[in-house]
Amino acid sequence: MSSELLIREMTIEDVPELARVRYASFGWFISSVAQQQVWWRTALPEGRVRRLLALRDGRVVGGAAGGFNVTTTEPGAGYVQVEVHPDERRRGVGSALYEQIEEHLRAIGVRRVRTFATENPADQHWAEARGYTQGAHDRYARLDTAQLPPPLPLPPGVTTLSLREAGPQTVYDLDQAASVDEPGDMSFDGIPYDTWLARYWNSPDQQLDVGTVVLVDGVAASATFLEANRELGKGISTGTCTLREYRGRGLAKIAKVVALHKAAQAGIHTAITCNDYTNAPMIAVNDWLGYQPFASEYAYLKQLAD
């Protein structure tokens, strides 16, 4: 008996079902449904995002989204993401979703588009067959927070605060100033404060009492962020940043070990992190902490127009 595949526009009410697909597809994906709904509500209109849902015989089997990348000043930079439940792969779901999203990207004027593929050769072949070229390579690693090294002694003049104690404006200024050096295939050029506040600071998974800021003589010099799905007992680092003039002093190591000890005390038993393979200093910090690699992901890029 043949089954029917339906592609339709996605609504925010579909987020819980798409979350089920994401959890099954990616071992590092832990964001709560509430967090994923915040992503939806805080998407900037200038992103011109189109979202699609795939259903087979009434059951959600995949989804896709695409639009402009609003965090870069690169003209015409865009993105596409396609997610298909592992049980539904190689049945045309991803292709049906992707074709409509690429049509949308071309219509709104996207020039260069980025997507991601896992280390699975089939995923990479799928991207390459659609004209994409492999770019940056990210490493996912995890640790058991019961097996952390002890906290480090603080050098003279160095103190730590939680994100909540430091306050949103201080953390935002540090995050935006330091994150412009993040490795990758598209530059990060910042986001407006009100968007950052709604999307990150006030997000339901953000652990404001776990995330940590390191101050040097009172200056906020380094910080690490951690989001967590408390139902799963898992957290994921969503960024560690240090101002250029304070790098090489071990501040990121201090921030992360303090934050992870607080995460353990809060009942977060597993911590996940992701690093570009070219980011040797951060990988060295995470290896020292005890993170063990378990998966990787590649960026893939395609030129749609000059």
C-alpha atoms as a PDB file:
ATOM      1  CA  MET A   1       0.000   0.000   0.000  1.00  0.00           C
ATOM      2  CA  SER A   2       1.474   3.359  -1.026  1.00  0.00           C
ATOM      3  CA  SER A   3       1.869   6.131   1.513  1.00  0.00           C
ATOM      4  CA  GLU A   4       1.230   9.805   0.913  1.00  0.00           C
ATOM      5  CA  LEU A   5       3.836  12.510   1.545  1.00  0.00           C
ATOM      6  CA  LEU A   6       2.439  15.970   2.244  1.00  0.00           C
ATOM      7  CA  ILE A   7       4.531  19.145   2.391  1.00  0.00           C
ATOM      8  CA  ARG A   8       2.862  22.141   4.026  1.00  0.00           C
ATOM      9  CA  GLU A   9       3.756  25.412   5.709  1.00  0.00           C
ATOM     10  CA  MET A  10       4.826  24.931   9.310  1.00  0.00           C
ATOM     11  CA  THR A  11       3.229  26.710  12.271  1.00  0.00           C
ATOM     12  CA  ILE A  12       4.508  27.193  15.805  1.00  0.00           C
ATOM     13  CA  GLU A  13       2.013  24.550  16.945  1.00  0.00           C
ATOM     14  CA  ASP A  14       4.082  21.995  14.966  1.00  0.00           C
ATOM     15  CA  VAL A  15       7.235  22.600  17.024  1.00  0.00           C
ATOM     16  CA  PRO A  16       6.700  19.687  19.480  1.00  0.00           C
ATOM     17  CA  GLU A  17       6.431  17.180  16.622  1.00  0.00           C
ATOM     18  CA  LEU A  18       9.454  18.589  14.801  1.00  0.00           C
ATOM     19  CA  ALA A  19      11.353  18.413  18.106  1.00  0.00           C
ATOM     20  CA  ARG A  20      10.716  14.663  18.120  1.00  0.00           C
ATOM     21  CA  VAL A  21      12.405  14.441  14.712  1.00  0.00           C
ATOM     22  CA  ARG A  22      15.365  16.519  15.908  1.00  0.00           C
ATOM     23  CA  TYR A  23      15.941  14.434  19.043  1.00  0.00           C
ATOM     24  CA  ALA A  24      15.971  11.268  16.943  1.00  0.00           C
ATOM     25  CA  SER A  25      18.293  12.765  14.321  1.00  0.00           C
ATOM     26  CA  PHE A  26      21.075  14.451  16.286  1.00  0.00           C
ATOM     27  CA  GLY A  27      22.786  13.063  19.377  1.00  0.00           C
ATOM     28  CA  TRP A  28      23.795  16.555  20.470  1.00  0.00           C
ATOM     29  CA  PHE A  29      20.361  18.159  20.131  1.00  0.00           C
ATOM     30  CA  ILE A  30      18.837  18.743  23.586  1.00  0.00           C
ATOM     31  CA  SER A  31      16.938  22.053  23.342  1.00  0.00           C
ATOM     32  CA  SER A  32      13.548  21.975  25.030  1.00  0.00           C
ATOM     33  CA  VAL A  33      10.340  22.479  23.080  1.00  0.00           C
ATOM     34  CA  ALA A  34       9.876  25.802  24.886  1.00  0.00           C
ATOM     35  CA  GLN A  35      13.334  26.889  23.717  1.00  0.00           C
ATOM     36  CA  GLN A  36      12.563  25.951  20.126  1.00  0.00           C
ATOM     37  CA  GLN A  37       9.367  27.996  20.305  1.00  0.00           C
ATOM     38  CA  VAL A  38      11.422  30.981  21.467  1.00  0.00           C
ATOM     39  CA  TRP A  39      13.635  30.611  18.375  1.00  0.00           C
ATOM     40  CA  TRP A  40      10.477  30.864  16.286  1.00  0.00           C
ATOM     41  CA  ARG A  41       9.048  33.899  18.093  1.00  0.00           C
ATOM     42  CA  THR A  42      12.316  35.843  18.052  1.00  0.00           C
ATOM     43  CA  ALA A  43      13.186  35.345  14.371  1.00  0.00           C
ATOM     44  CA  LEU A  44      13.762  38.754  12.801  1.00  0.00           C
ATOM     45  CA  PRO A  45      11.371  39.700   9.951  1.00  0.00           C
ATOM     46  CA  GLU A  46      14.289  40.679   7.711  1.00  0.00           C
ATOM     47  CA  GLY A  47      15.371  37.027   7.753  1.00  0.00           C
ATOM     48  CA  ARG A  48      12.434  36.283   5.397  1.00  0.00           C
ATOM     49  CA  VAL A  49      12.308  32.734   6.794  1.00  0.00           C
ATOM     50  CA  ARG A  50      10.130  30.085   5.202  1.00  0.00           C
ATOM     51  CA  ARG A  51       9.390  26.945   7.243  1.00  0.00           C
ATOM     52  CA  LEU A  52       7.972  23.704   5.873  1.00  0.00           C
ATOM     53  CA  LEU A  53       6.763  20.486   7.447  1.00  0.00           C
ATOM     54  CA  ALA A  54       6.689  17.008   5.883  1.00  0.00           C
ATOM     55  CA  LEU A  55       4.026  14.489   6.882  1.00  0.00           C
ATOM     56  CA  ARG A  56       3.589  10.906   5.748  1.00  0.00           C
ATOM     57  CA  ASP A  57       0.120   9.516   6.320  1.00  0.00           C
ATOM     58  CA  GLY A  58      -0.498  12.347   8.765  1.00  0.00           C
ATOM     59  CA  ARG A  59       2.643  11.823  10.858  1.00  0.00           C
ATOM     60  CA  VAL A  60       5.440  14.426  10.958  1.00  0.00           C
ATOM     61  CA  VAL A  61       8.579  12.945   9.384  1.00  0.00           C
ATOM     62  CA  GLY A  62      10.669  16.049   8.678  1.00  0.00           C
ATOM     63  CA  GLY A  63      10.947  19.789   8.395  1.00  0.00           C
ATOM     64  CA  ALA A  64      12.972  22.503   6.716  1.00  0.00           C
ATOM     65  CA  ALA A  65      13.619  26.211   6.991  1.00  0.00           C
ATOM     66  CA  GLY A  66      15.579  28.804   5.059  1.00  0.00           C
ATOM     67  CA  GLY A  67      16.113  32.527   4.775  1.00  0.00           C
ATOM     68  CA  PHE A  68      18.730  35.248   5.166  1.00  0.00           C
ATOM     69  CA  ASN A  69      21.493  34.956   7.754  1.00  0.00           C
ATOM     70  CA  VAL A  70      20.818  38.083   9.807  1.00  0.00           C
ATOM     71  CA  THR A  71      23.950  37.829  11.983  1.00  0.00           C
ATOM     72  CA  THR A  72      26.398  38.629   9.182  1.00  0.00           C
ATOM     73  CA  THR A  73      27.002  41.716   7.058  1.00  0.00           C
ATOM     74  CA  GLU A  74      27.851  39.550   4.042  1.00  0.00           C
ATOM     75  CA  PRO A  75      25.401  40.668   1.315  1.00  0.00           C
ATOM     76  CA  GLY A  76      22.900  37.983   0.377  1.00  0.00           C
ATOM     77  CA  ALA A  77      24.128  35.377   2.876  1.00  0.00           C
ATOM     78  CA  GLY A  78      21.499  32.762   3.657  1.00  0.00           C
ATOM     79  CA  TYR A  79      20.921  29.381   5.216  1.00  0.00           C
ATOM     80  CA  VAL A  80      18.872  26.253   4.825  1.00  0.00           C
ATOM     81  CA  GLN A  81      18.285  23.437   7.285  1.00  0.00           C
ATOM     82  CA  VAL A  82      16.601  20.153   6.418  1.00  0.00           C
ATOM     83  CA  GLU A  83      15.750  17.591   9.107  1.00  0.00           C
ATOM     84  CA  VAL A  84      14.332  14.143   8.355  1.00  0.00           C
ATOM     85  CA  HIS A  85      13.573  11.396  10.865  1.00  0.00           C
ATOM     86  CA  PRO A  86      16.152   8.564  10.554  1.00  0.00           C
ATOM     87  CA  ASP A  87      13.378   6.063   9.765  1.00  0.00           C
ATOM     88  CA  GLU A  88      12.305   8.169   6.771  1.00  0.00           C
ATOM     89  CA  ARG A  89      15.654   8.775   5.083  1.00  0.00           C
ATOM     90  CA  ARG A  90      16.155   7.848   1.421  1.00  0.00           C
ATOM     91  CA  ARG A  91      12.442   8.118   0.722  1.00  0.00           C
ATOM     92  CA  GLY A  92      12.455  11.547  -0.940  1.00  0.00           C
ATOM     93  CA  VAL A  93      11.422  13.577   2.098  1.00  0.00           C
ATOM     94  CA  GLY A  94      14.549  15.739   2.254  1.00  0.00           C
ATOM     95  CA  SER A  95      14.533  16.372  -1.483  1.00  0.00           C
ATOM     96  CA  ALA A  96      10.882  17.438  -1.486  1.00  0.00           C
ATOM     97  CA  LEU A  97      11.518  19.877   1.364  1.00  0.00           C
ATOM     98  CA  TYR A  98      14.779  21.217  -0.009  1.00  0.00           C
ATOM     99  CA  GLU A  99      13.490  21.993  -3.500  1.00  0.00           C
ATOM    100  CA  GLN A 100      10.856  24.359  -2.140  1.00  0.00           C
ATOM    101  CA  ILE A 101      13.266  26.066   0.260  1.00  0.00           C
ATOM    102  CA  GLU A 102      15.896  26.669  -2.430  1.00  0.00           C
ATOM    103  CA  GLU A 103      13.185  28.122  -4.664  1.00  0.00           C
ATOM    104  CA  HIS A 104      12.307  30.497  -1.819  1.00  0.00           C
ATOM    105  CA  LEU A 105      15.963  31.467  -1.276  1.00  0.00           C
ATOM    106  CA  ARG A 106      16.407  32.318  -4.946  1.00  0.00           C
ATOM    107  CA  ALA A 107      13.167  34.315  -4.955  1.00  0.00           C
ATOM    108  CA  ILE A 108      14.199  36.535  -2.030  1.00  0.00           C
ATOM    109  CA  GLY A 109      17.699  37.131  -3.422  1.00  0.00           C
ATOM    110  CA  VAL A 110      20.001  34.921  -1.378  1.00  0.00           C
ATOM    111  CA  ARG A 111      23.428  34.776  -3.040  1.00  0.00           C
ATOM    112  CA  ARG A 112      25.363  32.255  -0.907  1.00  0.00           C
ATOM    113  CA  VAL A 113      23.720  29.640   1.256  1.00  0.00           C
ATOM    114  CA  ARG A 114      25.070  27.513   4.085  1.00  0.00           C
ATOM    115  CA  THR A 115      23.742  24.240   5.404  1.00  0.00           C
ATOM    116  CA  PHE A 116      25.164  21.471   7.588  1.00  0.00           C
ATOM    117  CA  ALA A 117      25.690  17.736   7.220  1.00  0.00           C
ATOM    118  CA  THR A 118      26.683  15.161   9.807  1.00  0.00           C
ATOM    119  CA  GLU A 119      29.749  12.927   9.540  1.00  0.00           C
ATOM    120  CA  ASN A 120      27.522  10.303   7.892  1.00  0.00           C
ATOM    121  CA  PRO A 121      28.819   9.977   4.295  1.00  0.00           C
ATOM    122  CA  ALA A 122      25.237   9.690   3.033  1.00  0.00           C
ATOM    123  CA  ASP A 123      24.431  13.141   4.461  1.00  0.00           C
ATOM    124  CA  GLN A 124      27.525  14.636   2.846  1.00  0.00           C
ATOM    125  CA  HIS A 125      26.742  13.018  -0.506  1.00  0.00           C
ATOM    126  CA  TRP A 126      23.213  14.424  -0.307  1.00  0.00           C
ATOM    127  CA  ALA A 127      24.589  17.968   0.066  1.00  0.00           C
ATOM    128  CA  GLU A 128      27.249  17.525  -2.612  1.00  0.00           C
ATOM    129  CA  ALA A 129      24.672  16.150  -5.065  1.00  0.00           C
ATOM    130  CA  ARG A 130      22.830  19.474  -4.749  1.00  0.00           C
ATOM    131  CA  GLY A 131      25.886  21.555  -5.579  1.00  0.00           C
ATOM    132  CA  TYR A 132      27.277  22.204  -2.101  1.00  0.00           C
ATOM    133  CA  THR A 133      30.985  22.318  -1.228  1.00  0.00           C
ATOM    134  CA  GLN A 134      32.330  21.185   2.126  1.00  0.00           C
ATOM    135  CA  GLY A 135      33.437  23.933   4.514  1.00  0.00           C
ATOM    136  CA  ALA A 136      34.158  24.177   8.229  1.00  0.00           C
ATOM    137  CA  HIS A 137      34.293  21.054  10.417  1.00  0.00           C
ATOM    138  CA  ASP A 138      32.836  21.057  13.944  1.00  0.00           C
ATOM    139  CA  ARG A 139      33.500  18.589  16.759  1.00  0.00           C
ATOM    140  CA  TYR A 140      30.854  17.586  19.305  1.00  0.00           C
ATOM    141  CA  ALA A 141      32.114  16.302  22.643  1.00  0.00           C
ATOM    142  CA  ARG A 142      30.519  15.464  25.988  1.00  0.00           C
ATOM    143  CA  LEU A 143      31.475  14.804  29.576  1.00  0.00           C
ATOM    144  CA  ASP A 144      30.033  13.450  32.798  1.00  0.00           C
ATOM    145  CA  THR A 145      29.926  16.378  35.220  1.00  0.00           C
ATOM    146  CA  ALA A 146      30.686  13.980  38.105  1.00  0.00           C
ATOM    147  CA  GLN A 147      34.189  13.531  36.627  1.00  0.00           C
ATOM    148  CA  LEU A 148      35.387  17.150  36.496  1.00  0.00           C
ATOM    149  CA  PRO A 149      38.853  18.391  37.438  1.00  0.00           C
ATOM    150  CA  PRO A 150      38.879  20.515  40.621  1.00  0.00           C
ATOM    151  CA  PRO A 151      38.310  24.276  40.384  1.00  0.00           C
ATOM    152  CA  LEU A 152      41.411  26.311  39.600  1.00  0.00           C
ATOM    153  CA  PRO A 153      42.974  28.827  42.010  1.00  0.00           C
ATOM    154  CA  LEU A 154      42.188  32.342  40.821  1.00  0.00           C
ATOM    155  CA  PRO A 155      45.137  34.585  39.891  1.00  0.00           C
ATOM    156  CA  PRO A 156      45.445  37.972  41.649  1.00  0.00           C
ATOM    157  CA  GLY A 157      42.794  40.407  40.467  1.00  0.00           C
ATOM    158  CA  VAL A 158      40.615  37.672  38.938  1.00  0.00           C
ATOM    159  CA  THR A 159      37.069  37.058  40.195  1.00  0.00           C
ATOM    160  CA  THR A 160      33.997  35.239  38.843  1.00  0.00           C
ATOM    161  CA  LEU A 161      30.301  36.026  38.695  1.00  0.00           C
ATOM    162  CA  SER A 162      27.284  34.199  37.374  1.00  0.00           C
ATOM    163  CA  LEU A 163      25.659  35.618  34.257  1.00  0.00           C
ATOM    164  CA  ARG A 164      22.758  36.766  36.423  1.00  0.00           C
ATOM    165  CA  GLU A 165      25.081  38.613  38.810  1.00  0.00           C
ATOM    166  CA  ALA A 166      26.956  40.268  35.939  1.00  0.00           C
ATOM    167  CA  GLY A 167      23.721  41.450  34.330  1.00  0.00           C
ATOM    168  CA  PRO A 168      22.511  41.373  30.723  1.00  0.00           C
ATOM    169  CA  GLN A 169      24.149  44.555  29.401  1.00  0.00           C
ATOM    170  CA  THR A 170      27.619  43.550  30.632  1.00  0.00           C
ATOM    171  CA  VAL A 171      27.252  40.043  29.236  1.00  0.00           C
ATOM    172  CA  TYR A 172      25.883  41.281  25.911  1.00  0.00           C
ATOM    173  CA  ASP A 173      28.738  43.737  25.413  1.00  0.00           C
ATOM    174  CA  LEU A 174      31.310  41.035  26.145  1.00  0.00           C
ATOM    175  CA  ASP A 175      29.578  38.447  23.959  1.00  0.00           C
ATOM    176  CA  GLN A 176      29.307  40.750  20.949  1.00  0.00           C
ATOM    177  CA  ALA A 177      32.876  42.067  21.240  1.00  0.00           C
ATOM    178  CA  ALA A 178      34.511  38.668  21.622  1.00  0.00           C
ATOM    179  CA  SER A 179      32.349  36.544  19.323  1.00  0.00           C
ATOM    180  CA  VAL A 180      33.332  38.346  16.117  1.00  0.00           C
ATOM    181  CA  ASP A 181      36.423  36.098  16.021  1.00  0.00           C
ATOM    182  CA  GLU A 182      34.404  32.867  16.051  1.00  0.00           C
ATOM    183  CA  PRO A 183      35.771  30.509  13.347  1.00  0.00           C
ATOM    184  CA  GLY A 184      33.476  29.572  10.477  1.00  0.00           C
ATOM    185  CA  ASP A 185      32.515  30.147   6.864  1.00  0.00           C
ATOM    186  CA  MET A 186      30.346  33.227   7.441  1.00  0.00           C
ATOM    187  CA  SER A 187      31.295  36.125   9.669  1.00  0.00           C
ATOM    188  CA  PHE A 188      29.372  36.863  12.851  1.00  0.00           C
ATOM    189  CA  ASP A 189      28.723  40.595  13.028  1.00  0.00           C
ATOM    190  CA  GLY A 190      26.374  40.796  15.984  1.00  0.00           C
ATOM    191  CA  ILE A 191      22.672  40.990  16.738  1.00  0.00           C
ATOM    192  CA  PRO A 192      20.558  43.797  18.269  1.00  0.00           C
ATOM    193  CA  TYR A 193      20.403  43.909  22.063  1.00  0.00           C
ATOM    194  CA  ASP A 194      16.640  43.435  22.279  1.00  0.00           C
ATOM    195  CA  THR A 195      16.820  40.362  20.036  1.00  0.00           C
ATOM    196  CA  TRP A 196      19.728  38.935  22.047  1.00  0.00           C
ATOM    197  CA  LEU A 197      17.790  39.564  25.255  1.00  0.00           C
ATOM    198  CA  ALA A 198      14.686  37.747  24.018  1.00  0.00           C
ATOM    199  CA  ARG A 199      16.418  34.928  22.153  1.00  0.00           C
ATOM    200  CA  TYR A 200      19.275  34.094  24.522  1.00  0.00           C
ATOM    201  CA  TRP A 201      19.202  35.830  27.900  1.00  0.00           C
ATOM    202  CA  ASN A 202      15.482  35.218  28.522  1.00  0.00           C
ATOM    203  CA  SER A 203      15.327  31.810  26.823  1.00  0.00           C
ATOM    204  CA  PRO A 204      13.898  29.008  28.987  1.00  0.00           C
ATOM    205  CA  ASP A 205      17.011  26.822  28.682  1.00  0.00           C
ATOM    206  CA  GLN A 206      19.546  29.557  29.532  1.00  0.00           C
ATOM    207  CA  GLN A 207      21.185  28.806  32.885  1.00  0.00           C
ATOM    208  CA  LEU A 208      21.861  32.290  34.225  1.00  0.00           C
ATOM    209  CA  ASP A 209      23.124  30.980  37.572  1.00  0.00           C
ATOM    210  CA  VAL A 210      25.458  28.445  35.917  1.00  0.00           C
ATOM    211  CA  GLY A 211      26.931  30.491  33.066  1.00  0.00           C
ATOM    212  CA  THR A 212      29.989  32.339  34.317  1.00  0.00           C
ATOM    213  CA  VAL A 213      31.771  35.652  33.719  1.00  0.00           C
ATOM    214  CA  VAL A 214      35.444  36.118  34.609  1.00  0.00           C
ATOM    215  CA  LEU A 215      36.533  39.607  35.636  1.00  0.00           C
ATOM    216  CA  VAL A 216      40.111  40.892  35.598  1.00  0.00           C
ATOM    217  CA  ASP A 217      40.521  43.896  37.893  1.00  0.00           C
ATOM    218  CA  GLY A 218      36.772  44.426  37.559  1.00  0.00           C
ATOM    219  CA  VAL A 219      36.675  44.192  33.758  1.00  0.00           C
ATOM    220  CA  ALA A 220      34.401  41.510  32.266  1.00  0.00           C
ATOM    221  CA  ALA A 221      37.018  39.707  30.183  1.00  0.00           C
ATOM    222  CA  SER A 222      35.684  36.202  29.547  1.00  0.00           C
ATOM    223  CA  ALA A 223      32.398  34.310  29.776  1.00  0.00           C
ATOM    224  CA  THR A 224      30.856  30.946  29.103  1.00  0.00           C
ATOM    225  CA  PHE A 225      27.189  30.199  28.435  1.00  0.00           C
ATOM    226  CA  LEU A 226      25.319  26.998  29.176  1.00  0.00           C
ATOM    227  CA  GLU A 227      21.792  26.039  28.174  1.00  0.00           C
ATOM    228  CA  ALA A 228      20.139  22.974  29.662  1.00  0.00           C
ATOM    229  CA  ASN A 229      17.115  20.763  29.236  1.00  0.00           C
ATOM    230  CA  ARG A 230      16.393  20.005  32.884  1.00  0.00           C
ATOM    231  CA  GLU A 231      14.022  17.148  32.012  1.00  0.00           C
ATOM    232  CA  LEU A 232      16.903  15.356  30.269  1.00  0.00           C
ATOM    233  CA  GLY A 233      19.547  16.428  32.791  1.00  0.00           C
ATOM    234  CA  LYS A 234      21.730  17.560  29.884  1.00  0.00           C
ATOM    235  CA  GLY A 235      23.366  20.879  29.104  1.00  0.00           C
ATOM    236  CA  ILE A 236      25.161  22.315  26.102  1.00  0.00           C
ATOM    237  CA  SER A 237      27.735  25.095  25.957  1.00  0.00           C
ATOM    238  CA  THR A 238      26.471  27.749  23.574  1.00  0.00           C
ATOM    239  CA  GLY A 239      29.617  29.830  23.557  1.00  0.00           C
ATOM    240  CA  THR A 240      32.780  30.737  25.435  1.00  0.00           C
ATOM    241  CA  CYS A 241      34.293  34.117  24.642  1.00  0.00           C
ATOM    242  CA  THR A 242      37.309  36.130  25.772  1.00  0.00           C
ATOM    243  CA  LEU A 243      38.229  39.670  24.797  1.00  0.00           C
ATOM    244  CA  ARG A 244      41.261  39.728  22.491  1.00  0.00           C
ATOM    245  CA  GLU A 245      43.508  41.617  24.904  1.00  0.00           C
ATOM    246  CA  TYR A 246      42.864  39.036  27.655  1.00  0.00           C
ATOM    247  CA  ARG A 247      43.449  35.859  25.657  1.00  0.00           C
ATOM    248  CA  GLY A 248      46.222  33.426  26.566  1.00  0.00           C
ATOM    249  CA  ARG A 249      45.730  33.862  30.324  1.00  0.00           C
ATOM    250  CA  GLY A 250      43.619  30.771  30.991  1.00  0.00           C
ATOM    251  CA  LEU A 251      40.436  32.750  31.620  1.00  0.00           C
ATOM    252  CA  ALA A 252      38.250  30.529  29.430  1.00  0.00           C
ATOM    253  CA  LYS A 253      39.439  27.489  31.382  1.00  0.00           C
ATOM    254  CA  ILE A 254      38.489  29.216  34.644  1.00  0.00           C
ATOM    255  CA  ALA A 255      35.054  30.189  33.298  1.00  0.00           C
ATOM    256  CA  LYS A 256      34.244  26.708  32.042  1.00  0.00           C
ATOM    257  CA  VAL A 257      35.394  24.739  35.082  1.00  0.00           C
ATOM    258  CA  VAL A 258      33.478  27.057  37.446  1.00  0.00           C
ATOM    259  CA  ALA A 259      30.342  26.811  35.281  1.00  0.00           C
ATOM    260  CA  LEU A 260      30.519  23.028  34.960  1.00  0.00           C
ATOM    261  CA  HIS A 261      30.871  22.547  38.713  1.00  0.00           C
ATOM    262  CA  LYS A 262      27.769  24.685  39.176  1.00  0.00           C
ATOM    263  CA  ALA A 263      26.013  22.629  36.479  1.00  0.00           C
ATOM    264  CA  ALA A 264      26.809  19.415  38.377  1.00  0.00           C
ATOM    265  CA  GLN A 265      25.407  20.915  41.574  1.00  0.00           C
ATOM    266  CA  ALA A 266      22.247  21.868  39.649  1.00  0.00           C
ATOM    267  CA  GLY A 267      21.657  18.264  38.554  1.00  0.00           C
ATOM    268  CA  ILE A 268      22.965  18.575  35.006  1.00  0.00           C
ATOM    269  CA  HIS A 269      24.774  15.255  34.633  1.00  0.00           C
ATOM    270  CA  THR A 270      25.889  15.512  30.985  1.00  0.00           C
ATOM    271  CA  ALA A 271      27.527  18.510  29.324  1.00  0.00           C
ATOM    272  CA  ILE A 272      27.946  18.826  25.551  1.00  0.00           C
ATOM    273  CA  THR A 273      30.113  21.270  23.652  1.00  0.00           C
ATOM    274  CA  CYS A 274      30.904  22.035  20.009  1.00  0.00           C
ATOM    275  CA  ASN A 275      34.104  23.461  18.533  1.00  0.00           C
ATOM    276  CA  ASP A 276      35.419  24.255  15.092  1.00  0.00           C
ATOM    277  CA  TYR A 277      38.368  21.920  14.551  1.00  0.00           C
ATOM    278  CA  THR A 278      40.590  24.933  13.800  1.00  0.00           C
ATOM    279  CA  ASN A 279      39.920  26.394  17.262  1.00  0.00           C
ATOM    280  CA  ALA A 280      42.874  24.645  18.918  1.00  0.00           C
ATOM    281  CA  PRO A 281      42.934  26.753  22.135  1.00  0.00           C
ATOM    282  CA  MET A 282      39.292  25.977  22.941  1.00  0.00           C
ATOM    283  CA  ILE A 283      39.649  22.308  22.060  1.00  0.00           C
ATOM    284  CA  ALA A 284      42.656  22.136  24.414  1.00  0.00           C
ATOM    285  CA  VAL A 285      40.551  23.614  27.232  1.00  0.00           C
ATOM    286  CA  ASN A 286      37.754  21.133  26.618  1.00  0.00           C
ATOM    287  CA  ASP A 287      40.150  18.186  26.421  1.00  0.00           C
ATOM    288  CA  TRP A 288      41.607  19.263  29.789  1.00  0.00           C
ATOM    289  CA  LEU A 289      38.090  19.367  31.240  1.00  0.00           C
ATOM    290  CA  GLY A 290      37.525  15.772  30.112  1.00  0.00           C
ATOM    291  CA  TYR A 291      35.244  16.189  27.119  1.00  0.00           C
ATOM    292  CA  GLN A 292      35.221  13.155  24.806  1.00  0.00           C
ATOM    293  CA  PRO A 293      34.404  13.583  21.081  1.00  0.00           C
ATOM    294  CA  PHE A 294      31.342  11.621  19.947  1.00  0.00           C
ATOM    295  CA  ALA A 295      30.146  13.219  16.693  1.00  0.00           C
ATOM    296  CA  SER A 296      31.032  15.827  14.100  1.00  0.00           C
ATOM    297  CA  GLU A 297      29.329  18.020  11.552  1.00  0.00           C
ATOM    298  CA  TYR A 298      30.392  19.836   8.388  1.00  0.00           C
ATOM    299  CA  ALA A 299      29.262  23.143   6.975  1.00  0.00           C
ATOM    300  CA  TYR A 300      28.334  23.020   3.290  1.00  0.00           C
ATOM    301  CA  LEU A 301      28.116  26.065   1.048  1.00  0.00           C
ATOM    302  CA  LYS A 302      26.570  26.835  -2.313  1.00  0.00           C
ATOM    303  CA  GLN A 303      26.705  29.930  -4.500  1.00  0.00           C
ATOM    304  CA  LEU A 304      23.216  30.742  -5.791  1.00  0.00           C
ATOM    305  CA  ALA A 305      24.057  34.038  -7.507  1.00  0.00           C
ATOM    306  CA  ASP A 306      26.947  36.457  -7.952  1.00  0.00           C
END
